PDB file of N, CA and C in Angstrom:
ATOM      1  N   MET A   1     -56.499  51.892  22.612  1.00  0.00           N
ATOM      2  CA  MET A   1     -57.671  52.103  21.796  1.00  0.00           C
ATOM      3  C   MET A   1     -58.842  51.360  22.433  1.00  0.00           C
ATOM      4  N   LYS A   2     -59.993  52.013  22.423  1.00  0.00           N
ATOM      5  CA  LYS A   2     -61.190  51.390  22.992  1.00  0.00           C
ATOM      6  C   LYS A   2     -61.558  50.139  22.181  1.00  0.00           C
ATOM      7  N   PRO A   3     -62.088  49.116  22.851  1.00  0.00           N
ATOM      8  CA  PRO A   3     -62.478  47.897  22.131  1.00  0.00           C
ATOM      9  C   PRO A   3     -63.495  48.165  21.021  1.00  0.00           C
ATOM     10  N   THR A   4     -64.437  49.069  21.257  1.00  0.00           N
ATOM     11  CA  THR A   4     -65.436  49.352  20.212  1.00  0.00           C
ATOM     12  C   THR A   4     -64.798  50.058  19.020  1.00  0.00           C
ATOM     13  N   THR A   5     -63.830  50.916  19.285  1.00  0.00           N
ATOM     14  CA  THR A   5     -63.115  51.583  18.191  1.00  0.00           C
ATOM     15  C   THR A   5     -62.316  50.569  17.389  1.00  0.00           C
ATOM     16  N   GLN A   6     -61.629  49.686  18.093  1.00  0.00           N
ATOM     17  CA  GLN A   6     -60.837  48.645  17.432  1.00  0.00           C
ATOM     18  C   GLN A   6     -61.718  47.745  16.577  1.00  0.00           C
ATOM     19  N   ARG A   7     -62.868  47.360  17.115  1.00  0.00           N
ATOM     20  CA  ARG A   7     -63.793  46.489  16.385  1.00  0.00           C
ATOM     21  C   ARG A   7     -64.318  47.197  15.134  1.00  0.00           C
ATOM     22  N   GLY A   8     -64.685  48.472  15.276  1.00  0.00           N
ATOM     23  CA  GLY A   8     -65.172  49.241  14.134  1.00  0.00           C
ATOM     24  C   GLY A   8     -64.108  49.401  13.065  1.00  0.00           C
ATOM     25  N   LEU A   9     -62.867  49.667  13.500  1.00  0.00           N
ATOM     26  CA  LEU A   9     -61.764  49.799  12.558  1.00  0.00           C
ATOM     27  C   LEU A   9     -61.487  48.483  11.850  1.00  0.00           C
ATOM     28  N   ASP A  10     -61.502  47.395  12.584  1.00  0.00           N
ATOM     29  CA  ASP A  10     -61.306  46.069  11.981  1.00  0.00           C
ATOM     30  C   ASP A  10     -62.367  45.792  10.917  1.00  0.00           C
ATOM     31  N   ASN A  11     -63.624  46.091  11.241  1.00  0.00           N
ATOM     32  CA  ASN A  11     -64.708  45.869  10.283  1.00  0.00           C
ATOM     33  C   ASN A  11     -64.541  46.739   9.042  1.00  0.00           C
ATOM     34  N   ALA A  12     -64.162  47.999   9.230  1.00  0.00           N
ATOM     35  CA  ALA A  12     -63.972  48.904   8.103  1.00  0.00           C
ATOM     36  C   ALA A  12     -62.841  48.428   7.197  1.00  0.00           C
ATOM     37  N   ILE A  13     -61.754  47.966   7.796  1.00  0.00           N
ATOM     38  CA  ILE A  13     -60.620  47.475   7.006  1.00  0.00           C
ATOM     39  C   ILE A  13     -61.018  46.220   6.230  1.00  0.00           C
ATOM     40  N   LYS A  14     -61.767  45.330   6.856  1.00  0.00           N
ATOM     41  CA  LYS A  14     -62.216  44.116   6.163  1.00  0.00           C
ATOM     42  C   LYS A  14     -63.097  44.467   4.973  1.00  0.00           C
ATOM     43  N   LEU A  15     -64.002  45.442   5.138  1.00  0.00           N
ATOM     44  CA  LEU A  15     -64.839  45.873   4.027  1.00  0.00           C
ATOM     45  C   LEU A  15     -64.003  46.495   2.918  1.00  0.00           C
ATOM     46  N   LEU A  16     -63.013  47.300   3.293  1.00  0.00           N
ATOM     47  CA  LEU A  16     -62.146  47.927   2.308  1.00  0.00           C
ATOM     48  C   LEU A  16     -61.389  46.878   1.506  1.00  0.00           C
ATOM     49  N   ILE A  17     -60.815  45.923   2.184  1.00  0.00           N
ATOM     50  CA  ILE A  17     -60.024  44.893   1.505  1.00  0.00           C
ATOM     51  C   ILE A  17     -60.881  44.077   0.542  1.00  0.00           C
ATOM     52  N   GLN A  18     -62.140  43.894   0.856  1.00  0.00           N
ATOM     53  CA  GLN A  18     -63.028  43.100   0.004  1.00  0.00           C
ATOM     54  C   GLN A  18     -63.637  43.910  -1.136  1.00  0.00           C
ATOM     55  N   SER A  19     -63.438  45.229  -1.133  1.00  0.00           N
ATOM     56  CA  SER A  19     -64.062  46.074  -2.158  1.00  0.00           C
ATOM     57  C   SER A  19     -63.318  45.956  -3.484  1.00  0.00           C
ATOM     58  N   PRO A  20     -64.046  46.119  -4.588  1.00  0.00           N
ATOM     59  CA  PRO A  20     -63.400  46.064  -5.908  1.00  0.00           C
ATOM     60  C   PRO A  20     -62.360  47.172  -6.091  1.00  0.00           C
ATOM     61  N   GLU A  21     -62.580  48.324  -5.454  1.00  0.00           N
ATOM     62  CA  GLU A  21     -61.637  49.424  -5.577  1.00  0.00           C
ATOM     63  C   GLU A  21     -60.273  49.073  -4.997  1.00  0.00           C
ATOM     64  N   PHE A  22     -60.274  48.218  -3.990  1.00  0.00           N
ATOM     65  CA  PHE A  22     -59.013  47.848  -3.353  1.00  0.00           C
ATOM     66  C   PHE A  22     -58.137  47.027  -4.297  1.00  0.00           C
ATOM     67  N   ASP A  23     -58.742  46.410  -5.306  1.00  0.00           N
ATOM     68  CA  ASP A  23     -57.962  45.632  -6.272  1.00  0.00           C
ATOM     69  C   ASP A  23     -56.916  46.510  -6.967  1.00  0.00           C
ATOM     70  N   ARG A  24     -57.248  47.767  -7.215  1.00  0.00           N
ATOM     71  CA  ARG A  24     -56.284  48.679  -7.845  1.00  0.00           C
ATOM     72  C   ARG A  24     -55.093  48.919  -6.921  1.00  0.00           C
ATOM     73  N   ILE A  25     -55.374  49.101  -5.654  1.00  0.00           N
ATOM     74  CA  ILE A  25     -54.294  49.297  -4.682  1.00  0.00           C
ATOM     75  C   ILE A  25     -53.454  48.032  -4.588  1.00  0.00           C
ATOM     76  N   ARG A  26     -54.126  46.899  -4.565  1.00  0.00           N
ATOM     77  CA  ARG A  26     -53.428  45.616  -4.482  1.00  0.00           C
ATOM     78  C   ARG A  26     -52.467  45.448  -5.667  1.00  0.00           C
ATOM     79  N   LEU A  27     -52.885  45.886  -6.860  1.00  0.00           N
ATOM     80  CA  LEU A  27     -52.025  45.784  -8.043  1.00  0.00           C
ATOM     81  C   LEU A  27     -50.734  46.587  -7.860  1.00  0.00           C
ATOM     82  N   PHE A  28     -50.830  47.793  -7.281  1.00  0.00           N
ATOM     83  CA  PHE A  28     -49.633  48.576  -7.016  1.00  0.00           C
ATOM     84  C   PHE A  28     -48.710  47.853  -6.049  1.00  0.00           C
ATOM     85  N   LEU A  29     -49.279  47.273  -5.004  1.00  0.00           N
ATOM     86  CA  LEU A  29     -48.460  46.586  -4.005  1.00  0.00           C
ATOM     87  C   LEU A  29     -47.826  45.318  -4.575  1.00  0.00           C
ATOM     88  N   VAL A  30     -48.561  44.576  -5.397  1.00  0.00           N
ATOM     89  CA  VAL A  30     -48.017  43.365  -6.023  1.00  0.00           C
ATOM     90  C   VAL A  30     -46.909  43.732  -7.002  1.00  0.00           C
ATOM     91  N   ALA A  31     -47.148  44.788  -7.795  1.00  0.00           N
ATOM     92  CA  ALA A  31     -46.125  45.221  -8.748  1.00  0.00           C
ATOM     93  C   ALA A  31     -44.860  45.648  -8.020  1.00  0.00           C
ATOM     94  N   ASP A  32     -45.009  46.347  -6.918  1.00  0.00           N
ATOM     95  CA  ASP A  32     -43.861  46.778  -6.143  1.00  0.00           C
ATOM     96  C   ASP A  32     -43.096  45.577  -5.605  1.00  0.00           C
ATOM     97  N   ALA A  33     -43.830  44.596  -5.114  1.00  0.00           N
ATOM     98  CA  ALA A  33     -43.179  43.404  -4.552  1.00  0.00           C
ATOM     99  C   ALA A  33     -42.426  42.636  -5.633  1.00  0.00           C
ATOM    100  N   SER A  34     -43.008  42.551  -6.826  1.00  0.00           N
ATOM    101  CA  SER A  34     -42.361  41.776  -7.883  1.00  0.00           C
ATOM    102  C   SER A  34     -41.149  42.512  -8.465  1.00  0.00           C
ATOM    103  N   GLN A  35     -41.166  43.844  -8.417  1.00  0.00           N
ATOM    104  CA  GLN A  35     -40.037  44.612  -8.941  1.00  0.00           C
ATOM    105  C   GLN A  35     -38.961  44.840  -7.893  1.00  0.00           C
ATOM    106  N   GLY A  36     -39.336  44.674  -6.640  1.00  0.00           N
ATOM    107  CA  GLY A  36     -38.367  44.856  -5.564  1.00  0.00           C
ATOM    108  C   GLY A  36     -37.927  46.303  -5.389  1.00  0.00           C
ATOM    109  N   THR A  37     -38.811  47.251  -5.732  1.00  0.00           N
ATOM    110  CA  THR A  37     -38.434  48.658  -5.633  1.00  0.00           C
ATOM    111  C   THR A  37     -38.552  49.182  -4.211  1.00  0.00           C
ATOM    112  N   GLY A  38     -39.281  48.494  -3.358  1.00  0.00           N
ATOM    113  CA  GLY A  38     -39.387  48.913  -1.960  1.00  0.00           C
ATOM    114  C   GLY A  38     -40.255  50.134  -1.736  1.00  0.00           C
ATOM    115  N   GLU A  39     -41.188  50.391  -2.644  1.00  0.00           N
ATOM    116  CA  GLU A  39     -42.071  51.543  -2.495  1.00  0.00           C
ATOM    117  C   GLU A  39     -43.345  51.216  -1.732  1.00  0.00           C
ATOM    118  N   ALA A  40     -43.507  49.989  -1.292  1.00  0.00           N
ATOM    119  CA  ALA A  40     -44.745  49.569  -0.633  1.00  0.00           C
ATOM    120  C   ALA A  40     -45.051  50.438   0.588  1.00  0.00           C
ATOM    121  N   GLU A  41     -44.053  50.732   1.389  1.00  0.00           N
ATOM    122  CA  GLU A  41     -44.298  51.557   2.575  1.00  0.00           C
ATOM    123  C   GLU A  41     -44.782  52.943   2.180  1.00  0.00           C
ATOM    124  N   GLU A  42     -44.204  53.491   1.120  1.00  0.00           N
ATOM    125  CA  GLU A  42     -44.626  54.812   0.640  1.00  0.00           C
ATOM    126  C   GLU A  42     -46.061  54.755   0.113  1.00  0.00           C
ATOM    127  N   ILE A  43     -46.393  53.690  -0.602  1.00  0.00           N
ATOM    128  CA  ILE A  43     -47.750  53.523  -1.128  1.00  0.00           C
ATOM    129  C   ILE A  43     -48.751  53.414   0.021  1.00  0.00           C
ATOM    130  N   ILE A  44     -48.430  52.605   1.017  1.00  0.00           N
ATOM    131  CA  ILE A  44     -49.323  52.421   2.163  1.00  0.00           C
ATOM    132  C   ILE A  44     -49.475  53.720   2.942  1.00  0.00           C
ATOM    133  N   LYS A  45     -48.384  54.463   3.122  1.00  0.00           N
ATOM    134  CA  LYS A  45     -48.468  55.751   3.817  1.00  0.00           C
ATOM    135  C   LYS A  45     -49.361  56.713   3.034  1.00  0.00           C
ATOM    136  N   MET A  46     -49.210  56.746   1.722  1.00  0.00           N
ATOM    137  CA  MET A  46     -50.032  57.633   0.899  1.00  0.00           C
ATOM    138  C   MET A  46     -51.511  57.281   1.028  1.00  0.00           C
ATOM    139  N   ILE A  47     -51.819  56.001   1.010  1.00  0.00           N
ATOM    140  CA  ILE A  47     -53.213  55.555   1.154  1.00  0.00           C
ATOM    141  C   ILE A  47     -53.751  55.982   2.516  1.00  0.00           C
ATOM    142  N   GLY A  48     -52.977  55.755   3.556  1.00  0.00           N
ATOM    143  CA  GLY A  48     -53.404  56.146   4.900  1.00  0.00           C
ATOM    144  C   GLY A  48     -53.619  57.649   5.012  1.00  0.00           C
ATOM    145  N   ASP A  49     -52.706  58.421   4.420  1.00  0.00           N
ATOM    146  CA  ASP A  49     -52.854  59.884   4.455  1.00  0.00           C
ATOM    147  C   ASP A  49     -54.106  60.342   3.721  1.00  0.00           C
ATOM    148  N   GLU A  50     -54.383  59.734   2.571  1.00  0.00           N
ATOM    149  CA  GLU A  50     -55.561  60.108   1.799  1.00  0.00           C
ATOM    150  C   GLU A  50     -56.848  59.756   2.553  1.00  0.00           C
ATOM    151  N   ILE A  51     -56.859  58.602   3.198  1.00  0.00           N
ATOM    152  CA  ILE A  51     -58.034  58.207   3.980  1.00  0.00           C
ATOM    153  C   ILE A  51     -58.223  59.177   5.146  1.00  0.00           C
ATOM    154  N   ARG A  52     -57.136  59.516   5.819  1.00  0.00           N
ATOM    155  CA  ARG A  52     -57.206  60.458   6.945  1.00  0.00           C
ATOM    156  C   ARG A  52     -57.736  61.807   6.477  1.00  0.00           C
ATOM    157  N   ASN A  53     -57.202  62.322   5.371  1.00  0.00           N
ATOM    158  CA  ASN A  53     -57.656  63.611   4.845  1.00  0.00           C
ATOM    159  C   ASN A  53     -59.141  63.569   4.478  1.00  0.00           C
ATOM    160  N   HIS A  54     -59.569  62.464   3.899  1.00  0.00           N
ATOM    161  CA  HIS A  54     -60.979  62.313   3.542  1.00  0.00           C
ATOM    162  C   HIS A  54     -61.855  62.337   4.792  1.00  0.00           C
ATOM    163  N   LEU A  55     -61.419  61.629   5.826  1.00  0.00           N
ATOM    164  CA  LEU A  55     -62.199  61.582   7.062  1.00  0.00           C
ATOM    165  C   LEU A  55     -62.250  62.937   7.750  1.00  0.00           C
ATOM    166  N   ILE A  56     -61.150  63.681   7.703  1.00  0.00           N
ATOM    167  CA  ILE A  56     -61.137  65.021   8.292  1.00  0.00           C
ATOM    168  C   ILE A  56     -62.122  65.917   7.549  1.00  0.00           C
ATOM    169  N   THR A  57     -62.081  65.875   6.220  1.00  0.00           N
ATOM    170  CA  THR A  57     -63.002  66.680   5.410  1.00  0.00           C
ATOM    171  C   THR A  57     -64.441  66.281   5.687  1.00  0.00           C
ATOM    172  N   HIS A  58     -64.682  64.981   5.765  1.00  0.00           N
ATOM    173  CA  HIS A  58     -66.026  64.477   6.045  1.00  0.00           C
ATOM    174  C   HIS A  58     -66.488  64.946   7.425  1.00  0.00           C
ATOM    175  N   GLY A  59     -65.605  64.867   8.401  1.00  0.00           N
ATOM    176  CA  GLY A  59     -65.947  65.310   9.756  1.00  0.00           C
ATOM    177  C   GLY A  59     -66.293  66.785   9.804  1.00  0.00           C
ATOM    178  N   LYS A  60     -65.549  67.603   9.071  1.00  0.00           N
ATOM    179  CA  LYS A  60     -65.841  69.035   9.018  1.00  0.00           C
ATOM    180  C   LYS A  60     -67.195  69.291   8.366  1.00  0.00           C
ATOM    181  N   ALA A  61     -67.502  68.533   7.311  1.00  0.00           N
ATOM    182  CA  ALA A  61     -68.786  68.701   6.627  1.00  0.00           C
ATOM    183  C   ALA A  61     -69.944  68.315   7.545  1.00  0.00           C
ATOM    184  N   VAL A  62     -69.792  67.234   8.291  1.00  0.00           N
ATOM    185  CA  VAL A  62     -70.832  66.797   9.218  1.00  0.00           C
ATOM    186  C   VAL A  62     -71.021  67.847  10.313  1.00  0.00           C
ATOM    187  N   ALA A  63     -69.920  68.386  10.832  1.00  0.00           N
ATOM    188  CA  ALA A  63     -70.003  69.415  11.859  1.00  0.00           C
ATOM    189  C   ALA A  63     -70.724  70.663  11.326  1.00  0.00           C
ATOM    190  N   ALA A  64     -70.443  71.038  10.073  1.00  0.00           N
ATOM    191  CA  ALA A  64     -71.088  72.201   9.469  1.00  0.00           C
ATOM    192  C   ALA A  64     -72.594  71.965   9.314  1.00  0.00           C
ATOM    193  N   ILE A  65     -72.972  70.763   8.930  1.00  0.00           N
ATOM    194  CA  ILE A  65     -74.391  70.427   8.784  1.00  0.00           C
ATOM    195  C   ILE A  65     -75.081  70.516  10.148  1.00  0.00           C
ATOM    196  N   LYS A  66     -74.412  70.015  11.176  1.00  0.00           N
ATOM    197  CA  LYS A  66     -74.990  70.064  12.521  1.00  0.00           C
ATOM    198  C   LYS A  66     -75.155  71.495  13.016  1.00  0.00           C
ATOM    199  N   ARG A  67     -74.254  72.384  12.579  1.00  0.00           N
ATOM    200  CA  ARG A  67     -74.357  73.799  12.969  1.00  0.00           C
ATOM    201  C   ARG A  67     -75.393  74.527  12.119  1.00  0.00           C
ATOM    202  N   GLY A  68     -75.864  73.869  11.071  1.00  0.00           N
ATOM    203  CA  GLY A  68     -76.886  74.473  10.231  1.00  0.00           C
ATOM    204  C   GLY A  68     -76.338  75.344   9.120  1.00  0.00           C
ATOM    205  N   LEU A  69     -75.115  75.079   8.710  1.00  0.00           N
ATOM    206  CA  LEU A  69     -74.529  75.871   7.628  1.00  0.00           C
ATOM    207  C   LEU A  69     -74.842  75.277   6.284  1.00  0.00           C
TER     208      LEU A  69
END
């Protein structure tokens, strides 16, 4: 990964972790840890998939705007 990409990703993750919305995600992860259900990996994968899908949709929208649609 390019250093600038890594730096940008690090900054984005730090902002996400500090956001109030992340507290809801944190509650799911804490609850999972305290119950010992082992769903944390599934929760993290779901979050990553949702972020990826959002970015893909956003990228398509930006591309459409650039094409003048």
